[in-house]
Amino acid sequence: MNMNCKKVEKDNGVPAFSVGEFNAVVEEYLKKLRKLNKV
């Protein structure tokens, strides 16, 4: 996540995600939560 923030900050000059990147980060986060919880 931190790496993505830095990359976008460097590209755009503002610390903001594109929608695609944000969605990818959220999906990874949810996958990790599911693995931890094993619901």
PDB file of N, CA and C in Angstrom:
ATOM      1  N   MET A   1       0.832  -1.210   0.000  1.00  0.00           N
ATOM      2  CA  MET A   1       0.000   0.000   0.000  1.00  0.00           C
ATOM      3  C   MET A   1       0.863   1.256   0.000  1.00  0.00           C
ATOM      4  N   ASN A   2       1.883   1.278   0.857  1.00  0.00           N
ATOM      5  CA  ASN A   2       2.760   2.449   0.922  1.00  0.00           C
ATOM      6  C   ASN A   2       3.472   2.679  -0.410  1.00  0.00           C
ATOM      7  N   MET A   3       3.916   1.587  -1.037  1.00  0.00           N
ATOM      8  CA  MET A   3       4.595   1.720  -2.319  1.00  0.00           C
ATOM      9  C   MET A   3       3.661   2.335  -3.355  1.00  0.00           C
ATOM     10  N   ASN A   4       2.398   1.883  -3.385  1.00  0.00           N
ATOM     11  CA  ASN A   4       1.440   2.432  -4.337  1.00  0.00           C
ATOM     12  C   ASN A   4       1.234   3.925  -4.099  1.00  0.00           C
ATOM     13  N   CYS A   5       1.107   4.315  -2.831  1.00  0.00           N
ATOM     14  CA  CYS A   5       0.905   5.731  -2.513  1.00  0.00           C
ATOM     15  C   CYS A   5       2.074   6.558  -3.046  1.00  0.00           C
ATOM     16  N   LYS A   6       3.300   6.091  -2.794  1.00  0.00           N
ATOM     17  CA  LYS A   6       4.470   6.834  -3.241  1.00  0.00           C
ATOM     18  C   LYS A   6       4.490   6.933  -4.769  1.00  0.00           C
ATOM     19  N   LYS A   7       4.169   5.838  -5.430  1.00  0.00           N
ATOM     20  CA  LYS A   7       4.181   5.827  -6.889  1.00  0.00           C
ATOM     21  C   LYS A   7       3.199   6.852  -7.431  1.00  0.00           C
ATOM     22  N   VAL A   8       1.989   6.865  -6.892  1.00  0.00           N
ATOM     23  CA  VAL A   8       0.962   7.786  -7.388  1.00  0.00           C
ATOM     24  C   VAL A   8       1.337   9.224  -7.042  1.00  0.00           C
ATOM     25  N   GLU A   9       1.871   9.421  -5.844  1.00  0.00           N
ATOM     26  CA  GLU A   9       2.299  10.771  -5.455  1.00  0.00           C
ATOM     27  C   GLU A   9       3.326  11.294  -6.459  1.00  0.00           C
ATOM     28  N   LYS A  10       4.296  10.454  -6.808  1.00  0.00           N
ATOM     29  CA  LYS A  10       5.339  10.866  -7.730  1.00  0.00           C
ATOM     30  C   LYS A  10       4.743  11.189  -9.104  1.00  0.00           C
ATOM     31  N   ASP A  11       3.801  10.359  -9.575  1.00  0.00           N
ATOM     32  CA  ASP A  11       3.235  10.536 -10.919  1.00  0.00           C
ATOM     33  C   ASP A  11       2.371  11.794 -11.008  1.00  0.00           C
ATOM     34  N   ASN A  12       1.495  11.960 -10.023  1.00  0.00           N
ATOM     35  CA  ASN A  12       0.468  13.000 -10.132  1.00  0.00           C
ATOM     36  C   ASN A  12       0.807  14.260  -9.337  1.00  0.00           C
ATOM     37  N   GLY A  13       1.760  14.164  -8.403  1.00  0.00           N
ATOM     38  CA  GLY A  13       2.041  15.291  -7.532  1.00  0.00           C
ATOM     39  C   GLY A  13       1.056  15.395  -6.382  1.00  0.00           C
ATOM     40  N   VAL A  14       0.090  14.476  -6.306  1.00  0.00           N
ATOM     41  CA  VAL A  14      -0.860  14.458  -5.188  1.00  0.00           C
ATOM     42  C   VAL A  14      -1.009  13.025  -4.686  1.00  0.00           C
ATOM     43  N   PRO A  15      -1.154  12.850  -3.375  1.00  0.00           N
ATOM     44  CA  PRO A  15      -1.289  11.506  -2.813  1.00  0.00           C
ATOM     45  C   PRO A  15      -2.691  10.959  -3.027  1.00  0.00           C
ATOM     46  N   ALA A  16      -2.988  10.523  -4.255  1.00  0.00           N
ATOM     47  CA  ALA A  16      -4.323  10.022  -4.566  1.00  0.00           C
ATOM     48  C   ALA A  16      -4.216   8.761  -5.399  1.00  0.00           C
ATOM     49  N   PHE A  17      -5.147   7.843  -5.183  1.00  0.00           N
ATOM     50  CA  PHE A  17      -5.204   6.614  -5.965  1.00  0.00           C
ATOM     51  C   PHE A  17      -6.102   6.838  -7.181  1.00  0.00           C
ATOM     52  N   SER A  18      -5.761   6.143  -8.268  1.00  0.00           N
ATOM     53  CA  SER A  18      -6.758   5.989  -9.323  1.00  0.00           C
ATOM     54  C   SER A  18      -7.771   4.954  -8.853  1.00  0.00           C
ATOM     55  N   VAL A  19      -8.928   4.941  -9.469  1.00  0.00           N
ATOM     56  CA  VAL A  19      -9.976   4.009  -9.036  1.00  0.00           C
ATOM     57  C   VAL A  19      -9.507   2.571  -9.188  1.00  0.00           C
ATOM     58  N   GLY A  20      -8.839   2.262 -10.272  1.00  0.00           N
ATOM     59  CA  GLY A  20      -8.362   0.903 -10.506  1.00  0.00           C
ATOM     60  C   GLY A  20      -7.390   0.462  -9.428  1.00  0.00           C
ATOM     61  N   GLU A  21      -6.439   1.314  -9.079  1.00  0.00           N
ATOM     62  CA  GLU A  21      -5.467   0.966  -8.053  1.00  0.00           C
ATOM     63  C   GLU A  21      -6.147   0.804  -6.710  1.00  0.00           C
ATOM     64  N   PHE A  22      -7.074   1.699  -6.398  1.00  0.00           N
ATOM     65  CA  PHE A  22      -7.786   1.620  -5.118  1.00  0.00           C
ATOM     66  C   PHE A  22      -8.545   0.305  -5.019  1.00  0.00           C
ATOM     67  N   ASN A  23      -9.239  -0.055  -6.082  1.00  0.00           N
ATOM     68  CA  ASN A  23      -9.985  -1.310  -6.083  1.00  0.00           C
ATOM     69  C   ASN A  23      -9.054  -2.503  -5.899  1.00  0.00           C
ATOM     70  N   ALA A  24      -7.891  -2.476  -6.549  1.00  0.00           N
ATOM     71  CA  ALA A  24      -6.943  -3.578  -6.427  1.00  0.00           C
ATOM     72  C   ALA A  24      -6.471  -3.712  -4.989  1.00  0.00           C
ATOM     73  N   VAL A  25      -6.187  -2.583  -4.341  1.00  0.00           N
ATOM     74  CA  VAL A  25      -5.727  -2.607  -2.952  1.00  0.00           C
ATOM     75  C   VAL A  25      -6.824  -3.163  -2.043  1.00  0.00           C
ATOM     76  N   VAL A  26      -8.060  -2.712  -2.269  1.00  0.00           N
ATOM     77  CA  VAL A  26      -9.179  -3.187  -1.451  1.00  0.00           C
ATOM     78  C   VAL A  26      -9.375  -4.687  -1.631  1.00  0.00           C
ATOM     79  N   GLU A  27      -9.275  -5.173  -2.872  1.00  0.00           N
ATOM     80  CA  GLU A  27      -9.441  -6.604  -3.125  1.00  0.00           C
ATOM     81  C   GLU A  27      -8.374  -7.402  -2.391  1.00  0.00           C
ATOM     82  N   GLU A  28      -7.115  -6.947  -2.454  1.00  0.00           N
ATOM     83  CA  GLU A  28      -6.041  -7.650  -1.753  1.00  0.00           C
ATOM     84  C   GLU A  28      -6.307  -7.678  -0.251  1.00  0.00           C
ATOM     85  N   TYR A  29      -6.762  -6.555   0.275  1.00  0.00           N
ATOM     86  CA  TYR A  29      -7.062  -6.448   1.710  1.00  0.00           C
ATOM     87  C   TYR A  29      -8.152  -7.432   2.094  1.00  0.00           C
ATOM     88  N   LEU A  30      -9.209  -7.497   1.291  1.00  0.00           N
ATOM     89  CA  LEU A  30     -10.316  -8.412   1.590  1.00  0.00           C
ATOM     90  C   LEU A  30      -9.862  -9.864   1.495  1.00  0.00           C
ATOM     91  N   LYS A  31      -9.009 -10.183   0.519  1.00  0.00           N
ATOM     92  CA  LYS A  31      -8.490 -11.551   0.397  1.00  0.00           C
ATOM     93  C   LYS A  31      -7.715 -11.922   1.653  1.00  0.00           C
ATOM     94  N   LYS A  32      -6.887 -11.008   2.151  1.00  0.00           N
ATOM     95  CA  LYS A  32      -6.107 -11.278   3.354  1.00  0.00           C
ATOM     96  C   LYS A  32      -7.030 -11.485   4.547  1.00  0.00           C
ATOM     97  N   LEU A  33      -8.068 -10.651   4.661  1.00  0.00           N
ATOM     98  CA  LEU A  33      -9.017 -10.807   5.762  1.00  0.00           C
ATOM     99  C   LEU A  33      -9.690 -12.170   5.707  1.00  0.00           C
ATOM    100  N   ARG A  34     -10.104 -12.599   4.512  1.00  0.00           N
ATOM    101  CA  ARG A  34     -10.776 -13.894   4.374  1.00  0.00           C
ATOM    102  C   ARG A  34      -9.838 -15.017   4.789  1.00  0.00           C
ATOM    103  N   LYS A  35      -8.561 -14.939   4.399  1.00  0.00           N
ATOM    104  CA  LYS A  35      -7.596 -15.979   4.773  1.00  0.00           C
ATOM    105  C   LYS A  35      -7.433 -16.022   6.289  1.00  0.00           C
ATOM    106  N   LEU A  36      -7.359 -14.837   6.910  1.00  0.00           N
ATOM    107  CA  LEU A  36      -7.175 -14.794   8.362  1.00  0.00           C
ATOM    108  C   LEU A  36      -8.392 -15.345   9.089  1.00  0.00           C
ATOM    109  N   ASN A  37      -9.578 -14.952   8.638  1.00  0.00           N
ATOM    110  CA  ASN A  37     -10.812 -15.323   9.342  1.00  0.00           C
ATOM    111  C   ASN A  37     -11.298 -16.717   8.980  1.00  0.00           C
ATOM    112  N   LYS A  38     -11.001 -17.179   7.770  1.00  0.00           N
ATOM    113  CA  LYS A  38     -11.472 -18.493   7.295  1.00  0.00           C
ATOM    114  C   LYS A  38     -12.969 -18.632   7.527  1.00  0.00           C
ATOM    115  N   VAL A  39     -13.742 -17.642   7.114  1.00  0.00           N
ATOM    116  CA  VAL A  39     -15.193 -17.683   7.341  1.00  0.00           C
ATOM    117  C   VAL A  39     -15.823 -18.664   6.353  1.00  0.00           C
TER     118      VAL A  39
END
